[in-house]
PDB file of N, CA and C in Angstrom:
ATOM      1  N   UNK A   1     -46.083  -9.014  -1.252  1.00  0.00           N
ATOM      2  CA  UNK A   1     -44.708  -9.499  -1.143  1.00  0.00           C
ATOM      3  C   UNK A   1     -43.842  -8.790  -2.184  1.00  0.00           C
ATOM      4  N   UNK A   2     -42.626  -8.532  -1.788  1.00  0.00           N
ATOM      5  CA  UNK A   2     -41.660  -7.924  -2.686  1.00  0.00           C
ATOM      6  C   UNK A   2     -40.787  -9.024  -3.281  1.00  0.00           C
ATOM      7  N   UNK A   3     -40.445  -8.873  -4.553  1.00  0.00           N
ATOM      8  CA  UNK A   3     -39.600  -9.852  -5.243  1.00  0.00           C
ATOM      9  C   UNK A   3     -38.156  -9.353  -5.242  1.00  0.00           C
ATOM     10  N   UNK A   4     -37.245 -10.287  -5.050  1.00  0.00           N
ATOM     11  CA  UNK A   4     -35.811  -9.991  -5.050  1.00  0.00           C
ATOM     12  C   UNK A   4     -35.107 -11.027  -5.916  1.00  0.00           C
ATOM     13  N   UNK A   5     -34.079 -10.580  -6.607  1.00  0.00           N
ATOM     14  CA  UNK A   5     -33.221 -11.479  -7.372  1.00  0.00           C
ATOM     15  C   UNK A   5     -31.878 -11.498  -6.672  1.00  0.00           C
ATOM     16  N   UNK A   6     -31.458 -12.677  -6.253  1.00  0.00           N
ATOM     17  CA  UNK A   6     -30.178 -12.831  -5.564  1.00  0.00           C
ATOM     18  C   UNK A   6     -29.162 -13.456  -6.503  1.00  0.00           C
ATOM     19  N   UNK A   7     -28.043 -12.777  -6.657  1.00  0.00           N
ATOM     20  CA  UNK A   7     -26.909 -13.307  -7.402  1.00  0.00           C
ATOM     21  C   UNK A   7     -25.945 -13.853  -6.358  1.00  0.00           C
ATOM     22  N   UNK A   8     -25.612 -15.129  -6.471  1.00  0.00           N
ATOM     23  CA  UNK A   8     -24.881 -15.817  -5.404  1.00  0.00           C
ATOM     24  C   UNK A   8     -23.583 -16.413  -5.941  1.00  0.00           C
ATOM     25  N   UNK A   9     -22.521 -16.228  -5.176  1.00  0.00           N
ATOM     26  CA  UNK A   9     -21.238 -16.863  -5.486  1.00  0.00           C
ATOM     27  C   UNK A   9     -20.737 -17.596  -4.256  1.00  0.00           C
ATOM     28  N   UNK A  10     -20.191 -18.788  -4.485  1.00  0.00           N
ATOM     29  CA  UNK A  10     -19.572 -19.518  -3.395  1.00  0.00           C
ATOM     30  C   UNK A  10     -18.316 -18.800  -2.944  1.00  0.00           C
ATOM     31  N   UNK A  11     -18.056 -18.842  -1.665  1.00  0.00           N
ATOM     32  CA  UNK A  11     -16.767 -18.417  -1.142  1.00  0.00           C
ATOM     33  C   UNK A  11     -15.801 -19.590  -1.313  1.00  0.00           C
ATOM     34  N   UNK A  12     -14.561 -19.392  -0.961  1.00  0.00           N
ATOM     35  CA  UNK A  12     -13.599 -20.495  -1.025  1.00  0.00           C
ATOM     36  C   UNK A  12     -14.047 -21.644  -0.123  1.00  0.00           C
ATOM     37  N   UNK A  13     -14.561 -21.308   1.044  1.00  0.00           N
ATOM     38  CA  UNK A  13     -15.064 -22.335   1.969  1.00  0.00           C
ATOM     39  C   UNK A  13     -16.275 -23.041   1.367  1.00  0.00           C
ATOM     40  N   UNK A  14     -17.184 -22.277   0.778  1.00  0.00           N
ATOM     41  CA  UNK A  14     -18.404 -22.852   0.220  1.00  0.00           C
ATOM     42  C   UNK A  14     -18.146 -23.814  -0.922  1.00  0.00           C
ATOM     43  N   UNK A  15     -17.219 -23.457  -1.802  1.00  0.00           N
ATOM     44  CA  UNK A  15     -16.940 -24.340  -2.933  1.00  0.00           C
ATOM     45  C   UNK A  15     -16.130 -25.560  -2.487  1.00  0.00           C
ATOM     46  N   UNK A  16     -15.327 -25.377  -1.443  1.00  0.00           N
ATOM     47  CA  UNK A  16     -14.574 -26.511  -0.909  1.00  0.00           C
ATOM     48  C   UNK A  16     -15.529 -27.583  -0.376  1.00  0.00           C
ATOM     49  N   UNK A  17     -16.674 -27.142   0.140  1.00  0.00           N
ATOM     50  CA  UNK A  17     -17.683 -28.046   0.685  1.00  0.00           C
ATOM     51  C   UNK A  17     -18.927 -28.070  -0.204  1.00  0.00           C
ATOM     52  N   UNK A  18     -18.722 -28.039  -1.507  1.00  0.00           N
ATOM     53  CA  UNK A  18     -19.831 -27.916  -2.455  1.00  0.00           C
ATOM     54  C   UNK A  18     -20.815 -29.079  -2.363  1.00  0.00           C
ATOM     55  N   UNK A  19     -20.353 -30.233  -1.971  1.00  0.00           N
ATOM     56  CA  UNK A  19     -21.263 -31.386  -1.863  1.00  0.00           C
ATOM     57  C   UNK A  19     -22.356 -31.162  -0.814  1.00  0.00           C
ATOM     58  N   UNK A  20     -22.091 -30.262   0.128  1.00  0.00           N
ATOM     59  CA  UNK A  20     -23.082 -29.923   1.149  1.00  0.00           C
ATOM     60  C   UNK A  20     -24.037 -28.819   0.693  1.00  0.00           C
ATOM     61  N   UNK A  21     -23.790 -28.272  -0.491  1.00  0.00           N
ATOM     62  CA  UNK A  21     -24.576 -27.131  -0.961  1.00  0.00           C
ATOM     63  C   UNK A  21     -26.083 -27.399  -1.024  1.00  0.00           C
ATOM     64  N   UNK A  22     -26.540 -28.568  -1.511  1.00  0.00           N
ATOM     65  CA  UNK A  22     -27.991 -28.797  -1.513  1.00  0.00           C
ATOM     66  C   UNK A  22     -28.607 -28.746  -0.112  1.00  0.00           C
ATOM     67  N   UNK A  23     -27.893 -29.239   0.881  1.00  0.00           N
ATOM     68  CA  UNK A  23     -28.393 -29.165   2.256  1.00  0.00           C
ATOM     69  C   UNK A  23     -28.446 -27.716   2.725  1.00  0.00           C
ATOM     70  N   UNK A  24     -27.429 -26.935   2.344  1.00  0.00           N
ATOM     71  CA  UNK A  24     -27.421 -25.529   2.727  1.00  0.00           C
ATOM     72  C   UNK A  24     -28.563 -24.781   2.038  1.00  0.00           C
ATOM     73  N   UNK A  25     -28.847 -25.134   0.785  1.00  0.00           N
ATOM     74  CA  UNK A  25     -29.977 -24.513   0.090  1.00  0.00           C
ATOM     75  C   UNK A  25     -31.277 -24.836   0.809  1.00  0.00           C
ATOM     76  N   UNK A  26     -31.459 -26.088   1.209  1.00  0.00           N
ATOM     77  CA  UNK A  26     -32.658 -26.460   1.956  1.00  0.00           C
ATOM     78  C   UNK A  26     -32.776 -25.646   3.239  1.00  0.00           C
ATOM     79  N   UNK A  27     -31.656 -25.455   3.914  1.00  0.00           N
ATOM     80  CA  UNK A  27     -31.642 -24.652   5.139  1.00  0.00           C
ATOM     81  C   UNK A  27     -31.982 -23.197   4.871  1.00  0.00           C
ATOM     82  N   UNK A  28     -31.476 -22.667   3.756  1.00  0.00           N
ATOM     83  CA  UNK A  28     -31.773 -21.280   3.387  1.00  0.00           C
ATOM     84  C   UNK A  28     -33.259 -21.124   3.068  1.00  0.00           C
ATOM     85  N   UNK A  29     -33.815 -22.089   2.354  1.00  0.00           N
ATOM     86  CA  UNK A  29     -35.249 -22.032   2.041  1.00  0.00           C
ATOM     87  C   UNK A  29     -36.078 -22.036   3.316  1.00  0.00           C
ATOM     88  N   UNK A  30     -35.700 -22.872   4.278  1.00  0.00           N
ATOM     89  CA  UNK A  30     -36.434 -22.928   5.545  1.00  0.00           C
ATOM     90  C   UNK A  30     -36.279 -21.623   6.314  1.00  0.00           C
ATOM     91  N   UNK A  31     -35.065 -21.085   6.339  1.00  0.00           N
ATOM     92  CA  UNK A  31     -34.818 -19.836   7.066  1.00  0.00           C
ATOM     93  C   UNK A  31     -35.666 -18.701   6.493  1.00  0.00           C
ATOM     94  N   UNK A  32     -35.718 -18.593   5.170  1.00  0.00           N
ATOM     95  CA  UNK A  32     -36.519 -17.534   4.560  1.00  0.00           C
ATOM     96  C   UNK A  32     -37.999 -17.771   4.807  1.00  0.00           C
ATOM     97  N   UNK A  33     -38.444 -19.012   4.740  1.00  0.00           N
ATOM     98  CA  UNK A  33     -39.852 -19.332   5.018  1.00  0.00           C
ATOM     99  C   UNK A  33     -40.213 -18.960   6.457  1.00  0.00           C
ATOM    100  N   UNK A  34     -39.300 -19.221   7.383  1.00  0.00           N
ATOM    101  CA  UNK A  34     -39.535 -18.873   8.788  1.00  0.00           C
ATOM    102  C   UNK A  34     -39.665 -17.368   8.984  1.00  0.00           C
ATOM    103  N   UNK A  35     -39.106 -16.581   8.063  1.00  0.00           N
ATOM    104  CA  UNK A  35     -39.194 -15.119   8.117  1.00  0.00           C
ATOM    105  C   UNK A  35     -40.398 -14.596   7.327  1.00  0.00           C
ATOM    106  N   UNK A  36     -41.163 -15.515   6.746  1.00  0.00           N
ATOM    107  CA  UNK A  36     -42.348 -15.100   5.998  1.00  0.00           C
ATOM    108  C   UNK A  36     -42.143 -14.974   4.503  1.00  0.00           C
ATOM    109  N   UNK A  37     -40.977 -15.391   4.004  1.00  0.00           N
ATOM    110  CA  UNK A  37     -40.677 -15.303   2.577  1.00  0.00           C
ATOM    111  C   UNK A  37     -40.614 -16.662   1.929  1.00  0.00           C
ATOM    112  N   UNK A  38     -40.164 -16.674   0.669  1.00  0.00           N
ATOM    113  CA  UNK A  38     -40.037 -17.951  -0.046  1.00  0.00           C
ATOM    114  C   UNK A  38     -39.120 -17.805  -1.246  1.00  0.00           C
ATOM    115  N   UNK A  39     -38.592 -18.940  -1.661  1.00  0.00           N
ATOM    116  CA  UNK A  39     -37.848 -19.030  -2.917  1.00  0.00           C
ATOM    117  C   UNK A  39     -38.866 -19.330  -4.014  1.00  0.00           C
ATOM    118  N   UNK A  40     -38.880 -18.561  -5.082  1.00  0.00           N
ATOM    119  CA  UNK A  40     -39.773 -18.799  -6.214  1.00  0.00           C
ATOM    120  C   UNK A  40     -39.060 -19.586  -7.315  1.00  0.00           C
ATOM    121  N   UNK A  41     -37.744 -19.415  -7.411  1.00  0.00           N
ATOM    122  CA  UNK A  41     -36.946 -20.150  -8.407  1.00  0.00           C
ATOM    123  C   UNK A  41     -35.500 -20.148  -7.938  1.00  0.00           C
ATOM    124  N   UNK A  42     -34.774 -21.194  -8.344  1.00  0.00           N
ATOM    125  CA  UNK A  42     -33.359 -21.303  -8.012  1.00  0.00           C
ATOM    126  C   UNK A  42     -32.649 -21.932  -9.194  1.00  0.00           C
ATOM    127  N   UNK A  43     -31.485 -21.384  -9.554  1.00  0.00           N
ATOM    128  CA  UNK A  43     -30.721 -21.884 -10.702  1.00  0.00           C
ATOM    129  C   UNK A  43     -29.239 -21.973 -10.364  1.00  0.00           C
ATOM    130  N   UNK A  44     -28.613 -23.051 -10.764  1.00  0.00           N
ATOM    131  CA  UNK A  44     -27.164 -23.139 -10.828  1.00  0.00           C
ATOM    132  C   UNK A  44     -26.803 -22.494 -12.154  1.00  0.00           C
ATOM    133  N   UNK A  45     -25.851 -21.576 -12.160  1.00  0.00           N
ATOM    134  CA  UNK A  45     -25.547 -20.839 -13.385  1.00  0.00           C
ATOM    135  C   UNK A  45     -24.063 -20.913 -13.723  1.00  0.00           C
ATOM    136  N   UNK A  46     -23.776 -20.612 -14.963  1.00  0.00           N
ATOM    137  CA  UNK A  46     -22.393 -20.513 -15.437  1.00  0.00           C
ATOM    138  C   UNK A  46     -22.150 -19.060 -15.799  1.00  0.00           C
ATOM    139  N   UNK A  47     -20.953 -18.580 -15.540  1.00  0.00           N
ATOM    140  CA  UNK A  47     -20.644 -17.191 -15.846  1.00  0.00           C
ATOM    141  C   UNK A  47     -20.207 -16.463 -14.591  1.00  0.00           C
ATOM    142  N   UNK A  48     -20.615 -15.217 -14.460  1.00  0.00           N
ATOM    143  CA  UNK A  48     -20.183 -14.390 -13.333  1.00  0.00           C
ATOM    144  C   UNK A  48     -20.741 -14.840 -11.991  1.00  0.00           C
ATOM    145  N   UNK A  49     -21.871 -15.497 -12.005  1.00  0.00           N
ATOM    146  CA  UNK A  49     -22.507 -15.952 -10.766  1.00  0.00           C
ATOM    147  C   UNK A  49     -22.605 -17.467 -10.755  1.00  0.00           C
ATOM    148  N   UNK A  50     -22.446 -18.030  -9.573  1.00  0.00           N
ATOM    149  CA  UNK A  50     -22.564 -19.482  -9.428  1.00  0.00           C
ATOM    150  C   UNK A  50     -24.022 -19.932  -9.355  1.00  0.00           C
ATOM    151  N   UNK A  51     -24.865 -19.079  -8.758  1.00  0.00           N
ATOM    152  CA  UNK A  51     -26.278 -19.409  -8.586  1.00  0.00           C
ATOM    153  C   UNK A  51     -27.101 -18.124  -8.655  1.00  0.00           C
ATOM    154  N   UNK A  52     -28.365 -18.284  -9.033  1.00  0.00           N
ATOM    155  CA  UNK A  52     -29.316 -17.170  -9.036  1.00  0.00           C
ATOM    156  C   UNK A  52     -30.599 -17.667  -8.385  1.00  0.00           C
ATOM    157  N   UNK A  53     -31.148 -16.861  -7.502  1.00  0.00           N
ATOM    158  CA  UNK A  53     -32.411 -17.208  -6.848  1.00  0.00           C
ATOM    159  C   UNK A  53     -33.393 -16.057  -7.005  1.00  0.00           C
ATOM    160  N   UNK A  54     -34.639 -16.405  -7.233  1.00  0.00           N
ATOM    161  CA  UNK A  54     -35.723 -15.425  -7.221  1.00  0.00           C
ATOM    162  C   UNK A  54     -36.504 -15.696  -5.948  1.00  0.00           C
ATOM    163  N   UNK A  55     -36.568 -14.688  -5.089  1.00  0.00           N
ATOM    164  CA  UNK A  55     -37.185 -14.844  -3.775  1.00  0.00           C
ATOM    165  C   UNK A  55     -38.245 -13.781  -3.558  1.00  0.00           C
ATOM    166  N   UNK A  56     -39.128 -14.068  -2.619  1.00  0.00           N
ATOM    167  CA  UNK A  56     -40.092 -13.083  -2.157  1.00  0.00           C
ATOM    168  C   UNK A  56     -39.943 -12.948  -0.657  1.00  0.00           C
ATOM    169  N   UNK A  57     -40.103 -11.714  -0.179  1.00  0.00           N
ATOM    170  CA  UNK A  57     -40.054 -11.442   1.256  1.00  0.00           C
ATOM    171  C   UNK A  57     -41.061 -10.341   1.565  1.00  0.00           C
ATOM    172  N   UNK A  58     -41.527 -10.291   2.811  1.00  0.00           N
ATOM    173  CA  UNK A  58     -42.513  -9.279   3.175  1.00  0.00           C
ATOM    174  C   UNK A  58     -42.016  -7.841   3.013  1.00  0.00           C
ATOM    175  N   UNK A  59     -40.713  -7.628   3.229  1.00  0.00           N
ATOM    176  CA  UNK A  59     -40.170  -6.271   3.098  1.00  0.00           C
ATOM    177  C   UNK A  59     -38.646  -6.330   2.996  1.00  0.00           C
ATOM    178  N   UNK A  60     -38.048  -5.155   2.777  1.00  0.00           N
ATOM    179  CA  UNK A  60     -36.598  -5.072   2.608  1.00  0.00           C
ATOM    180  C   UNK A  60     -35.838  -5.509   3.858  1.00  0.00           C
ATOM    181  N   UNK A  61     -36.376  -5.199   5.032  1.00  0.00           N
ATOM    182  CA  UNK A  61     -35.684  -5.566   6.268  1.00  0.00           C
ATOM    183  C   UNK A  61     -35.580  -7.078   6.414  1.00  0.00           C
ATOM    184  N   UNK A  62     -36.629  -7.797   6.062  1.00  0.00           N
ATOM    185  CA  UNK A  62     -36.595  -9.258   6.126  1.00  0.00           C
ATOM    186  C   UNK A  62     -35.537  -9.789   5.171  1.00  0.00           C
ATOM    187  N   UNK A  63     -35.517  -9.257   3.955  1.00  0.00           N
ATOM    188  CA  UNK A  63     -34.529  -9.739   2.980  1.00  0.00           C
ATOM    189  C   UNK A  63     -33.114  -9.397   3.429  1.00  0.00           C
ATOM    190  N   UNK A  64     -32.940  -8.235   4.026  1.00  0.00           N
ATOM    191  CA  UNK A  64     -31.617  -7.859   4.535  1.00  0.00           C
ATOM    192  C   UNK A  64     -31.165  -8.825   5.628  1.00  0.00           C
ATOM    193  N   UNK A  65     -32.055  -9.137   6.574  1.00  0.00           N
ATOM    194  CA  UNK A  65     -31.699 -10.099   7.627  1.00  0.00           C
ATOM    195  C   UNK A  65     -31.353 -11.462   7.035  1.00  0.00           C
ATOM    196  N   UNK A  66     -32.130 -11.884   6.046  1.00  0.00           N
ATOM    197  CA  UNK A  66     -31.890 -13.174   5.415  1.00  0.00           C
ATOM    198  C   UNK A  66     -30.516 -13.215   4.737  1.00  0.00           C
ATOM    199  N   UNK A  67     -30.216 -12.217   3.921  1.00  0.00           N
ATOM    200  CA  UNK A  67     -28.942 -12.233   3.202  1.00  0.00           C
ATOM    201  C   UNK A  67     -27.753 -12.043   4.142  1.00  0.00           C
ATOM    202  N   UNK A  68     -27.935 -11.256   5.188  1.00  0.00           N
ATOM    203  CA  UNK A  68     -26.853 -11.121   6.173  1.00  0.00           C
ATOM    204  C   UNK A  68     -26.587 -12.452   6.863  1.00  0.00           C
ATOM    205  N   UNK A  69     -27.657 -13.180   7.171  1.00  0.00           N
ATOM    206  CA  UNK A  69     -27.496 -14.509   7.765  1.00  0.00           C
ATOM    207  C   UNK A  69     -26.747 -15.454   6.847  1.00  0.00           C
ATOM    208  N   UNK A  70     -27.060 -15.403   5.550  1.00  0.00           N
ATOM    209  CA  UNK A  70     -26.324 -16.237   4.594  1.00  0.00           C
ATOM    210  C   UNK A  70     -24.845 -15.877   4.595  1.00  0.00           C
ATOM    211  N   UNK A  71     -24.560 -14.592   4.576  1.00  0.00           N
ATOM    212  CA  UNK A  71     -23.171 -14.138   4.560  1.00  0.00           C
ATOM    213  C   UNK A  71     -22.415 -14.538   5.820  1.00  0.00           C
ATOM    214  N   UNK A  72     -23.090 -14.465   6.964  1.00  0.00           N
ATOM    215  CA  UNK A  72     -22.444 -14.825   8.230  1.00  0.00           C
ATOM    216  C   UNK A  72     -22.026 -16.287   8.265  1.00  0.00           C
ATOM    217  N   UNK A  73     -22.739 -17.145   7.546  1.00  0.00           N
ATOM    218  CA  UNK A  73     -22.388 -18.567   7.524  1.00  0.00           C
ATOM    219  C   UNK A  73     -21.073 -18.816   6.779  1.00  0.00           C
ATOM    220  N   UNK A  74     -20.692 -17.895   5.897  1.00  0.00           N
ATOM    221  CA  UNK A  74     -19.385 -17.960   5.258  1.00  0.00           C
ATOM    222  C   UNK A  74     -19.275 -18.808   4.004  1.00  0.00           C
ATOM    223  N   UNK A  75     -20.378 -19.375   3.518  1.00  0.00           N
ATOM    224  CA  UNK A  75     -20.299 -20.233   2.338  1.00  0.00           C
ATOM    225  C   UNK A  75     -20.592 -19.517   1.030  1.00  0.00           C
ATOM    226  N   UNK A  76     -21.331 -18.417   1.111  1.00  0.00           N
ATOM    227  CA  UNK A  76     -21.681 -17.669  -0.094  1.00  0.00           C
ATOM    228  C   UNK A  76     -21.597 -16.175   0.161  1.00  0.00           C
ATOM    229  N   UNK A  77     -21.464 -15.434  -0.926  1.00  0.00           N
ATOM    230  CA  UNK A  77     -21.592 -13.979  -0.943  1.00  0.00           C
ATOM    231  C   UNK A  77     -22.736 -13.679  -1.889  1.00  0.00           C
ATOM    232  N   UNK A  78     -23.577 -12.726  -1.523  1.00  0.00           N
ATOM    233  CA  UNK A  78     -24.744 -12.433  -2.339  1.00  0.00           C
ATOM    234  C   UNK A  78     -24.757 -10.974  -2.776  1.00  0.00           C
ATOM    235  N   UNK A  79     -25.410 -10.750  -3.895  1.00  0.00           N
ATOM    236  CA  UNK A  79     -25.797  -9.410  -4.349  1.00  0.00           C
ATOM    237  C   UNK A  79     -27.290  -9.503  -4.589  1.00  0.00           C
ATOM    238  N   UNK A  80     -28.041  -8.629  -3.965  1.00  0.00           N
ATOM    239  CA  UNK A  80     -29.489  -8.728  -4.015  1.00  0.00           C
ATOM    240  C   UNK A  80     -30.077  -7.532  -4.747  1.00  0.00           C
ATOM    241  N   UNK A  81     -30.956  -7.824  -5.682  1.00  0.00           N
ATOM    242  CA  UNK A  81     -31.621  -6.804  -6.483  1.00  0.00           C
ATOM    243  C   UNK A  81     -33.099  -6.802  -6.142  1.00  0.00           C
ATOM    244  N   UNK A  82     -33.638  -5.634  -5.849  1.00  0.00           N
ATOM    245  CA  UNK A  82     -35.084  -5.522  -5.646  1.00  0.00           C
ATOM    246  C   UNK A  82     -35.717  -5.467  -7.029  1.00  0.00           C
ATOM    247  N   UNK A  83     -36.700  -6.323  -7.259  1.00  0.00           N
ATOM    248  CA  UNK A  83     -37.299  -6.443  -8.593  1.00  0.00           C
ATOM    249  C   UNK A  83     -38.719  -5.876  -8.591  1.00  0.00           C
ATOM    250  N   UNK A  84     -39.022  -5.089  -9.617  1.00  0.00           N
ATOM    251  CA  UNK A  84     -40.361  -4.533  -9.795  1.00  0.00           C
ATOM    252  C   UNK A  84     -41.054  -5.305 -10.908  1.00  0.00           C
ATOM    253  N   UNK A  85     -42.235  -5.846 -10.649  1.00  0.00           N
ATOM    254  CA  UNK A  85     -42.957  -6.567 -11.708  1.00  0.00           C
ATOM    255  C   UNK A  85     -43.386  -5.602 -12.822  1.00  0.00           C
ATOM    256  N   UNK A  86     -43.803  -6.169 -13.938  1.00  0.00           N
ATOM    257  CA  UNK A  86     -44.125  -5.355 -15.112  1.00  0.00           C
ATOM    258  C   UNK A  86     -45.158  -4.271 -14.805  1.00  0.00           C
ATOM    259  N   UNK A  87     -46.188  -4.596 -14.044  1.00  0.00           N
ATOM    260  CA  UNK A  87     -47.219  -3.599 -13.740  1.00  0.00           C
ATOM    261  C   UNK A  87     -46.625  -2.401 -12.987  1.00  0.00           C
ATOM    262  N   UNK A  88     -45.757  -2.673 -12.027  1.00  0.00           N
ATOM    263  CA  UNK A  88     -45.113  -1.594 -11.286  1.00  0.00           C
ATOM    264  C   UNK A  88     -44.164  -0.812 -12.182  1.00  0.00           C
ATOM    265  N   UNK A  89     -43.450  -1.508 -13.031  1.00  0.00           N
ATOM    266  CA  UNK A  89     -42.562  -0.861 -14.001  1.00  0.00           C
ATOM    267  C   UNK A  89     -43.352   0.137 -14.855  1.00  0.00           C
ATOM    268  N   UNK A  90     -44.483  -0.317 -15.394  1.00  0.00           N
ATOM    269  CA  UNK A  90     -45.302   0.563 -16.231  1.00  0.00           C
ATOM    270  C   UNK A  90     -45.830   1.763 -15.446  1.00  0.00           C
ATOM    271  N   UNK A  91     -46.222   1.528 -14.204  1.00  0.00           N
ATOM    272  CA  UNK A  91     -46.718   2.630 -13.362  1.00  0.00           C
ATOM    273  C   UNK A  91     -45.623   3.641 -13.102  1.00  0.00           C
ATOM    274  N   UNK A  92     -44.432   3.163 -12.803  1.00  0.00           N
ATOM    275  CA  UNK A  92     -43.289   4.055 -12.547  1.00  0.00           C
ATOM    276  C   UNK A  92     -42.970   4.880 -13.792  1.00  0.00           C
ATOM    277  N   UNK A  93     -42.888   4.223 -14.925  1.00  0.00           N
ATOM    278  CA  UNK A  93     -42.561   4.927 -16.166  1.00  0.00           C
ATOM    279  C   UNK A  93     -43.653   5.933 -16.517  1.00  0.00           C
ATOM    280  N   UNK A  94     -44.929   5.527 -16.377  1.00  0.00           N
ATOM    281  CA  UNK A  94     -46.037   6.426 -16.699  1.00  0.00           C
ATOM    282  C   UNK A  94     -46.089   7.622 -15.769  1.00  0.00           C
ATOM    283  N   UNK A  95     -45.587   7.487 -14.562  1.00  0.00           N
ATOM    284  CA  UNK A  95     -45.611   8.593 -13.604  1.00  0.00           C
ATOM    285  C   UNK A  95     -44.591   9.680 -13.946  1.00  0.00           C
ATOM    286  N   UNK A  96     -43.729   9.398 -14.905  1.00  0.00           N
ATOM    287  CA  UNK A  96     -42.725  10.395 -15.290  1.00  0.00           C
ATOM    288  C   UNK A  96     -43.311  11.560 -16.055  1.00  0.00           C
ATOM    289  N   UNK A  97     -44.525  11.401 -16.560  1.00  0.00           N
ATOM    290  CA  UNK A  97     -45.217  12.485 -17.243  1.00  0.00           C
ATOM    291  C   UNK A  97     -44.988  12.583 -18.707  1.00  0.00           C
TER     292      UNK A  97
END
């Protein structure tokens, strides 16, 4: 599984209906699970992002479909980062020679 870090901000519509946000999160978790992925952590944050999620998905295409689906609903905008675990980081750096 590949790890992704999602930086999430509510849209004007999403924050207007913020009380429904926990239900939408539950729906997002189910949608990603149905695609073979999962949420590993979720945080409400202060600062540039409203929320941060650490997710796993089988591949980039699955994560792309998932985030596009979130965007189509109109409640959030996401920025998704592909994350390399420490072992992969060390392998990449060591391969530089």
